[in-house]
Amino acid sequence: MEPLVFSQFGRYISLDMATRYFTSRQDDPNGIPMDFDQSTDPKGVLTSMTANGKYFHGEDNKVLYYRVGHGDNGEPPM
């Protein structure tokens, strides 16, 4: 997680937000798009957002989830 950082827009405090699901073609014109996992995008909503070609979902956007479990002997991992 990145820390919450506030910026200034004119005389107003602002919050810059971004998504990690997509990369701009302007930032990476040769990036190879990847399909979304069915569990991430079951209705194809995220996939439809890349139809205009301005953004793509690539290797750098893939989110990996990890879980620590107990070993076969029931002991917690070291």
PDB file of N, CA and C in Angstrom:
ATOM      1  N   MET A   1       0.833  -1.175   0.000  1.00  0.00           N
ATOM      2  CA  MET A   1       0.000   0.000   0.000  1.00  0.00           C
ATOM      3  C   MET A   1       0.881   1.243   0.000  1.00  0.00           C
ATOM      4  N   GLU A   2       0.451   2.220  -0.731  1.00  0.00           N
ATOM      5  CA  GLU A   2       1.161   3.492  -0.747  1.00  0.00           C
ATOM      6  C   GLU A   2       0.513   4.435   0.258  1.00  0.00           C
ATOM      7  N   PRO A   3       1.299   5.309   0.884  1.00  0.00           N
ATOM      8  CA  PRO A   3       0.715   6.242   1.858  1.00  0.00           C
ATOM      9  C   PRO A   3      -0.209   7.249   1.168  1.00  0.00           C
ATOM     10  N   LEU A   4      -1.198   7.706   1.893  1.00  0.00           N
ATOM     11  CA  LEU A   4      -2.122   8.721   1.397  1.00  0.00           C
ATOM     12  C   LEU A   4      -1.388  10.057   1.347  1.00  0.00           C
ATOM     13  N   VAL A   5      -1.364  10.668   0.170  1.00  0.00           N
ATOM     14  CA  VAL A   5      -0.640  11.924  -0.017  1.00  0.00           C
ATOM     15  C   VAL A   5      -1.597  12.964  -0.588  1.00  0.00           C
ATOM     16  N   PHE A   6      -1.651  14.100   0.048  1.00  0.00           N
ATOM     17  CA  PHE A   6      -2.472  15.206  -0.442  1.00  0.00           C
ATOM     18  C   PHE A   6      -1.611  16.154  -1.250  1.00  0.00           C
ATOM     19  N   SER A   7      -2.204  16.786  -2.261  1.00  0.00           N
ATOM     20  CA  SER A   7      -1.501  17.784  -3.061  1.00  0.00           C
ATOM     21  C   SER A   7      -2.292  19.085  -3.040  1.00  0.00           C
ATOM     22  N   GLN A   8      -1.830  20.010  -3.830  1.00  0.00           N
ATOM     23  CA  GLN A   8      -2.465  21.325  -3.903  1.00  0.00           C
ATOM     24  C   GLN A   8      -2.910  21.559  -5.345  1.00  0.00           C
ATOM     25  N   PHE A   9      -4.166  21.991  -5.530  1.00  0.00           N
ATOM     26  CA  PHE A   9      -4.679  22.389  -6.834  1.00  0.00           C
ATOM     27  C   PHE A   9      -5.189  23.810  -6.668  1.00  0.00           C
ATOM     28  N   GLY A  10      -4.366  24.763  -7.146  1.00  0.00           N
ATOM     29  CA  GLY A  10      -4.694  26.160  -6.881  1.00  0.00           C
ATOM     30  C   GLY A  10      -4.630  26.396  -5.386  1.00  0.00           C
ATOM     31  N   ARG A  11      -5.690  26.901  -4.820  1.00  0.00           N
ATOM     32  CA  ARG A  11      -5.712  27.129  -3.372  1.00  0.00           C
ATOM     33  C   ARG A  11      -6.431  26.010  -2.622  1.00  0.00           C
ATOM     34  N   TYR A  12      -6.747  24.929  -3.333  1.00  0.00           N
ATOM     35  CA  TYR A  12      -7.493  23.827  -2.736  1.00  0.00           C
ATOM     36  C   TYR A  12      -6.595  22.608  -2.494  1.00  0.00           C
ATOM     37  N   ILE A  13      -6.895  21.892  -1.434  1.00  0.00           N
ATOM     38  CA  ILE A  13      -6.208  20.629  -1.172  1.00  0.00           C
ATOM     39  C   ILE A  13      -6.860  19.571  -2.046  1.00  0.00           C
ATOM     40  N   SER A  14      -6.047  18.742  -2.675  1.00  0.00           N
ATOM     41  CA  SER A  14      -6.588  17.708  -3.552  1.00  0.00           C
ATOM     42  C   SER A  14      -5.971  16.352  -3.224  1.00  0.00           C
ATOM     43  N   LEU A  15      -6.576  15.327  -3.762  1.00  0.00           N
ATOM     44  CA  LEU A  15      -6.116  13.962  -3.590  1.00  0.00           C
ATOM     45  C   LEU A  15      -5.991  13.347  -4.967  1.00  0.00           C
ATOM     46  N   ASP A  16      -4.792  12.960  -5.347  1.00  0.00           N
ATOM     47  CA  ASP A  16      -4.571  12.331  -6.643  1.00  0.00           C
ATOM     48  C   ASP A  16      -4.846  10.846  -6.519  1.00  0.00           C
ATOM     49  N   MET A  17      -5.657  10.330  -7.432  1.00  0.00           N
ATOM     50  CA  MET A  17      -6.006   8.916  -7.385  1.00  0.00           C
ATOM     51  C   MET A  17      -5.678   8.270  -8.734  1.00  0.00           C
ATOM     52  N   ALA A  18      -5.351   7.010  -8.690  1.00  0.00           N
ATOM     53  CA  ALA A  18      -5.031   6.272  -9.906  1.00  0.00           C
ATOM     54  C   ALA A  18      -5.514   4.838  -9.758  1.00  0.00           C
ATOM     55  N   THR A  19      -5.599   4.167 -10.866  1.00  0.00           N
ATOM     56  CA  THR A  19      -5.974   2.768 -10.859  1.00  0.00           C
ATOM     57  C   THR A  19      -4.777   1.905 -11.224  1.00  0.00           C
ATOM     58  N   ARG A  20      -4.718   0.758 -10.671  1.00  0.00           N
ATOM     59  CA  ARG A  20      -3.649  -0.182 -11.000  1.00  0.00           C
ATOM     60  C   ARG A  20      -4.141  -1.243 -11.978  1.00  0.00           C
ATOM     61  N   TYR A  21      -5.410  -1.167 -12.379  1.00  0.00           N
ATOM     62  CA  TYR A  21      -5.947  -2.142 -13.313  1.00  0.00           C
ATOM     63  C   TYR A  21      -5.493  -1.900 -14.745  1.00  0.00           C
ATOM     64  N   PHE A  22      -5.148  -0.656 -15.079  1.00  0.00           N
ATOM     65  CA  PHE A  22      -4.836  -0.311 -16.464  1.00  0.00           C
ATOM     66  C   PHE A  22      -3.531   0.472 -16.578  1.00  0.00           C
ATOM     67  N   THR A  23      -2.928   0.391 -17.745  1.00  0.00           N
ATOM     68  CA  THR A  23      -1.761   1.192 -18.102  1.00  0.00           C
ATOM     69  C   THR A  23      -2.126   1.969 -19.358  1.00  0.00           C
ATOM     70  N   SER A  24      -1.713   3.216 -19.420  1.00  0.00           N
ATOM     71  CA  SER A  24      -1.978   4.048 -20.591  1.00  0.00           C
ATOM     72  C   SER A  24      -1.079   3.624 -21.748  1.00  0.00           C
ATOM     73  N   ARG A  25      -1.633   3.586 -22.942  1.00  0.00           N
ATOM     74  CA  ARG A  25      -0.838   3.293 -24.133  1.00  0.00           C
ATOM     75  C   ARG A  25       0.215   4.380 -24.344  1.00  0.00           C
ATOM     76  N   GLN A  26      -0.039   5.572 -23.864  1.00  0.00           N
ATOM     77  CA  GLN A  26       0.925   6.654 -23.969  1.00  0.00           C
ATOM     78  C   GLN A  26       2.154   6.339 -23.118  1.00  0.00           C
ATOM     79  N   ASP A  27       1.951   5.710 -21.957  1.00  0.00           N
ATOM     80  CA  ASP A  27       3.059   5.358 -21.075  1.00  0.00           C
ATOM     81  C   ASP A  27       3.803   4.112 -21.540  1.00  0.00           C
ATOM     82  N   ASP A  28       3.108   3.197 -22.192  1.00  0.00           N
ATOM     83  CA  ASP A  28       3.710   1.938 -22.634  1.00  0.00           C
ATOM     84  C   ASP A  28       3.102   1.533 -23.977  1.00  0.00           C
ATOM     85  N   PRO A  29       3.570   2.154 -25.093  1.00  0.00           N
ATOM     86  CA  PRO A  29       2.953   1.902 -26.395  1.00  0.00           C
ATOM     87  C   PRO A  29       3.119   0.473 -26.901  1.00  0.00           C
ATOM     88  N   ASN A  30       4.102  -0.264 -26.402  1.00  0.00           N
ATOM     89  CA  ASN A  30       4.347  -1.623 -26.894  1.00  0.00           C
ATOM     90  C   ASN A  30       3.949  -2.706 -25.893  1.00  0.00           C
ATOM     91  N   GLY A  31       3.261  -2.331 -24.826  1.00  0.00           N
ATOM     92  CA  GLY A  31       2.857  -3.302 -23.809  1.00  0.00           C
ATOM     93  C   GLY A  31       1.908  -4.352 -24.363  1.00  0.00           C
ATOM     94  N   ILE A  32       2.045  -5.565 -23.865  1.00  0.00           N
ATOM     95  CA  ILE A  32       1.213  -6.675 -24.319  1.00  0.00           C
ATOM     96  C   ILE A  32       0.015  -6.800 -23.383  1.00  0.00           C
ATOM     97  N   PRO A  33      -1.200  -6.689 -23.930  1.00  0.00           N
ATOM     98  CA  PRO A  33      -2.388  -6.790 -23.081  1.00  0.00           C
ATOM     99  C   PRO A  33      -2.616  -8.221 -22.605  1.00  0.00           C
ATOM    100  N   MET A  34      -3.183  -8.343 -21.415  1.00  0.00           N
ATOM    101  CA  MET A  34      -3.553  -9.634 -20.840  1.00  0.00           C
ATOM    102  C   MET A  34      -5.051  -9.623 -20.563  1.00  0.00           C
ATOM    103  N   ASP A  35      -5.666 -10.784 -20.650  1.00  0.00           N
ATOM    104  CA  ASP A  35      -7.075 -10.900 -20.295  1.00  0.00           C
ATOM    105  C   ASP A  35      -7.220 -10.831 -18.779  1.00  0.00           C
ATOM    106  N   PHE A  36      -8.345 -10.303 -18.324  1.00  0.00           N
ATOM    107  CA  PHE A  36      -8.654 -10.311 -16.903  1.00  0.00           C
ATOM    108  C   PHE A  36      -9.049 -11.717 -16.494  1.00  0.00           C
ATOM    109  N   ASP A  37      -8.725 -12.078 -15.278  1.00  0.00           N
ATOM    110  CA  ASP A  37      -9.159 -13.342 -14.712  1.00  0.00           C
ATOM    111  C   ASP A  37     -10.674 -13.306 -14.556  1.00  0.00           C
ATOM    112  N   GLN A  38     -11.328 -14.429 -14.789  1.00  0.00           N
ATOM    113  CA  GLN A  38     -12.788 -14.505 -14.694  1.00  0.00           C
ATOM    114  C   GLN A  38     -13.295 -14.082 -13.325  1.00  0.00           C
ATOM    115  N   SER A  39     -12.541 -14.371 -12.268  1.00  0.00           N
ATOM    116  CA  SER A  39     -12.991 -13.988 -10.929  1.00  0.00           C
ATOM    117  C   SER A  39     -12.849 -12.486 -10.679  1.00  0.00           C
ATOM    118  N   THR A  40     -11.963 -11.822 -11.412  1.00  0.00           N
ATOM    119  CA  THR A  40     -11.766 -10.383 -11.270  1.00  0.00           C
ATOM    120  C   THR A  40     -12.796  -9.594 -12.071  1.00  0.00           C
ATOM    121  N   ASP A  41     -13.152 -10.113 -13.257  1.00  0.00           N
ATOM    122  CA  ASP A  41     -14.049  -9.394 -14.163  1.00  0.00           C
ATOM    123  C   ASP A  41     -15.119 -10.342 -14.718  1.00  0.00           C
ATOM    124  N   PRO A  42     -15.991 -10.864 -13.850  1.00  0.00           N
ATOM    125  CA  PRO A  42     -16.951 -11.877 -14.308  1.00  0.00           C
ATOM    126  C   PRO A  42     -17.961 -11.377 -15.341  1.00  0.00           C
ATOM    127  N   LYS A  43     -18.261 -10.083 -15.338  1.00  0.00           N
ATOM    128  CA  LYS A  43     -19.250  -9.549 -16.283  1.00  0.00           C
ATOM    129  C   LYS A  43     -18.605  -8.823 -17.468  1.00  0.00           C
ATOM    130  N   GLY A  44     -17.275  -8.783 -17.524  1.00  0.00           N
ATOM    131  CA  GLY A  44     -16.592  -8.146 -18.643  1.00  0.00           C
ATOM    132  C   GLY A  44     -16.577  -6.633 -18.608  1.00  0.00           C
ATOM    133  N   VAL A  45     -16.895  -6.042 -17.477  1.00  0.00           N
ATOM    134  CA  VAL A  45     -16.951  -4.584 -17.364  1.00  0.00           C
ATOM    135  C   VAL A  45     -15.559  -3.978 -17.540  1.00  0.00           C
ATOM    136  N   LEU A  46     -14.562  -4.527 -16.854  1.00  0.00           N
ATOM    137  CA  LEU A  46     -13.203  -3.995 -16.977  1.00  0.00           C
ATOM    138  C   LEU A  46     -12.656  -4.206 -18.386  1.00  0.00           C
ATOM    139  N   THR A  47     -12.941  -5.347 -18.971  1.00  0.00           N
ATOM    140  CA  THR A  47     -12.498  -5.625 -20.334  1.00  0.00           C
ATOM    141  C   THR A  47     -13.079  -4.607 -21.312  1.00  0.00           C
ATOM    142  N   SER A  48     -14.344  -4.247 -21.134  1.00  0.00           N
ATOM    143  CA  SER A  48     -14.980  -3.283 -22.041  1.00  0.00           C
ATOM    144  C   SER A  48     -14.343  -1.901 -21.943  1.00  0.00           C
ATOM    145  N   MET A  49     -13.706  -1.601 -20.810  1.00  0.00           N
ATOM    146  CA  MET A  49     -13.091  -0.284 -20.632  1.00  0.00           C
ATOM    147  C   MET A  49     -11.799  -0.137 -21.443  1.00  0.00           C
ATOM    148  N   THR A  50     -11.278  -1.223 -21.988  1.00  0.00           N
ATOM    149  CA  THR A  50     -10.060  -1.158 -22.790  1.00  0.00           C
ATOM    150  C   THR A  50     -10.366  -1.127 -24.281  1.00  0.00           C
ATOM    151  N   ALA A  51     -11.646  -1.119 -24.648  1.00  0.00           N
ATOM    152  CA  ALA A  51     -12.047  -1.188 -26.053  1.00  0.00           C
ATOM    153  C   ALA A  51     -11.577   0.010 -26.880  1.00  0.00           C
ATOM    154  N   ASN A  52     -11.385   1.159 -26.260  1.00  0.00           N
ATOM    155  CA  ASN A  52     -10.986   2.348 -27.018  1.00  0.00           C
ATOM    156  C   ASN A  52      -9.497   2.355 -27.371  1.00  0.00           C
ATOM    157  N   GLY A  53      -8.722   1.437 -26.802  1.00  0.00           N
ATOM    158  CA  GLY A  53      -7.302   1.338 -27.132  1.00  0.00           C
ATOM    159  C   GLY A  53      -6.404   2.318 -26.392  1.00  0.00           C
ATOM    160  N   LYS A  54      -6.957   3.187 -25.563  1.00  0.00           N
ATOM    161  CA  LYS A  54      -6.133   4.154 -24.826  1.00  0.00           C
ATOM    162  C   LYS A  54      -5.460   3.523 -23.624  1.00  0.00           C
ATOM    163  N   TYR A  55      -6.064   2.458 -23.092  1.00  0.00           N
ATOM    164  CA  TYR A  55      -5.546   1.771 -21.912  1.00  0.00           C
ATOM    165  C   TYR A  55      -5.525   0.274 -22.160  1.00  0.00           C
ATOM    166  N   PHE A  56      -4.678  -0.429 -21.422  1.00  0.00           N
ATOM    167  CA  PHE A  56      -4.662  -1.881 -21.494  1.00  0.00           C
ATOM    168  C   PHE A  56      -4.345  -2.456 -20.131  1.00  0.00           C
ATOM    169  N   HIS A  57      -4.688  -3.705 -19.953  1.00  0.00           N
ATOM    170  CA  HIS A  57      -4.400  -4.444 -18.727  1.00  0.00           C
ATOM    171  C   HIS A  57      -3.243  -5.374 -19.060  1.00  0.00           C
ATOM    172  N   GLY A  58      -2.071  -5.102 -18.474  1.00  0.00           N
ATOM    173  CA  GLY A  58      -0.877  -5.879 -18.795  1.00  0.00           C
ATOM    174  C   GLY A  58      -0.285  -6.575 -17.585  1.00  0.00           C
ATOM    175  N   GLU A  59       0.879  -7.148 -17.777  1.00  0.00           N
ATOM    176  CA  GLU A  59       1.569  -7.897 -16.728  1.00  0.00           C
ATOM    177  C   GLU A  59       1.793  -7.044 -15.475  1.00  0.00           C
ATOM    178  N   ASP A  60       2.117  -5.772 -15.649  1.00  0.00           N
ATOM    179  CA  ASP A  60       2.352  -4.891 -14.498  1.00  0.00           C
ATOM    180  C   ASP A  60       1.075  -4.587 -13.717  1.00  0.00           C
ATOM    181  N   ASN A  61      -0.086  -4.822 -14.336  1.00  0.00           N
ATOM    182  CA  ASN A  61      -1.360  -4.535 -13.683  1.00  0.00           C
ATOM    183  C   ASN A  61      -1.949  -5.745 -12.974  1.00  0.00           C
ATOM    184  N   LYS A  62      -1.377  -6.893 -13.197  1.00  0.00           N
ATOM    185  CA  LYS A  62      -1.907  -8.121 -12.605  1.00  0.00           C
ATOM    186  C   LYS A  62      -1.693  -8.096 -11.092  1.00  0.00           C
ATOM    187  N   VAL A  63      -2.758  -8.353 -10.362  1.00  0.00           N
ATOM    188  CA  VAL A  63      -2.694  -8.367  -8.909  1.00  0.00           C
ATOM    189  C   VAL A  63      -2.590  -9.818  -8.455  1.00  0.00           C
ATOM    190  N   LEU A  64      -1.609 -10.089  -7.624  1.00  0.00           N
ATOM    191  CA  LEU A  64      -1.418 -11.435  -7.104  1.00  0.00           C
ATOM    192  C   LEU A  64      -1.820 -11.461  -5.634  1.00  0.00           C
ATOM    193  N   TYR A  65      -2.538 -12.476  -5.245  1.00  0.00           N
ATOM    194  CA  TYR A  65      -2.982 -12.627  -3.868  1.00  0.00           C
ATOM    195  C   TYR A  65      -2.253 -13.820  -3.258  1.00  0.00           C
ATOM    196  N   TYR A  66      -1.751 -13.647  -2.063  1.00  0.00           N
ATOM    197  CA  TYR A  66      -1.025 -14.705  -1.367  1.00  0.00           C
ATOM    198  C   TYR A  66      -1.688 -14.985  -0.031  1.00  0.00           C
ATOM    199  N   ARG A  67      -1.572 -16.218   0.394  1.00  0.00           N
ATOM    200  CA  ARG A  67      -2.113 -16.607   1.687  1.00  0.00           C
ATOM    201  C   ARG A  67      -1.106 -17.535   2.352  1.00  0.00           C
ATOM    202  N   VAL A  68      -0.867 -17.305   3.610  1.00  0.00           N
ATOM    203  CA  VAL A  68       0.043 -18.150   4.375  1.00  0.00           C
ATOM    204  C   VAL A  68      -0.798 -19.203   5.077  1.00  0.00           C
ATOM    205  N   GLY A  69      -0.407 -20.446   4.928  1.00  0.00           N
ATOM    206  CA  GLY A  69      -1.141 -21.522   5.569  1.00  0.00           C
ATOM    207  C   GLY A  69      -0.242 -22.360   6.448  1.00  0.00           C
ATOM    208  N   HIS A  70      -0.826 -23.295   7.115  1.00  0.00           N
ATOM    209  CA  HIS A  70      -0.083 -24.216   7.966  1.00  0.00           C
ATOM    210  C   HIS A  70       0.492 -25.349   7.123  1.00  0.00           C
ATOM    211  N   GLY A  71       1.591 -25.881   7.557  1.00  0.00           N
ATOM    212  CA  GLY A  71       2.196 -27.015   6.866  1.00  0.00           C
ATOM    213  C   GLY A  71       1.410 -28.288   7.098  1.00  0.00           C
ATOM    214  N   ASP A  72       1.855 -29.388   6.512  1.00  0.00           N
ATOM    215  CA  ASP A  72       1.179 -30.682   6.641  1.00  0.00           C
ATOM    216  C   ASP A  72       1.100 -31.157   8.092  1.00  0.00           C
ATOM    217  N   ASN A  73       2.036 -30.739   8.905  1.00  0.00           N
ATOM    218  CA  ASN A  73       2.066 -31.175  10.301  1.00  0.00           C
ATOM    219  C   ASN A  73       1.250 -30.242  11.217  1.00  0.00           C
ATOM    220  N   GLY A  74       0.588 -29.246  10.658  1.00  0.00           N
ATOM    221  CA  GLY A  74      -0.234 -28.325  11.445  1.00  0.00           C
ATOM    222  C   GLY A  74       0.533 -27.197  12.078  1.00  0.00           C
ATOM    223  N   GLU A  75       1.850 -27.195  11.887  1.00  0.00           N
ATOM    224  CA  GLU A  75       2.697 -26.143  12.469  1.00  0.00           C
ATOM    225  C   GLU A  75       2.590 -24.876  11.620  1.00  0.00           C
ATOM    226  N   PRO A  76       2.636 -23.707  12.256  1.00  0.00           N
ATOM    227  CA  PRO A  76       2.655 -22.461  11.469  1.00  0.00           C
ATOM    228  C   PRO A  76       3.951 -22.370  10.667  1.00  0.00           C
ATOM    229  N   PRO A  77       3.940 -21.676   9.529  1.00  0.00           N
ATOM    230  CA  PRO A  77       5.162 -21.538   8.735  1.00  0.00           C
ATOM    231  C   PRO A  77       6.219 -20.728   9.462  1.00  0.00           C
ATOM    232  N   MET A  78       7.475 -20.979   9.137  1.00  0.00           N
ATOM    233  CA  MET A  78       8.583 -20.234   9.759  1.00  0.00           C
ATOM    234  C   MET A  78       8.875 -18.988   8.991  1.00  0.00           C
TER     235      MET A  78
END
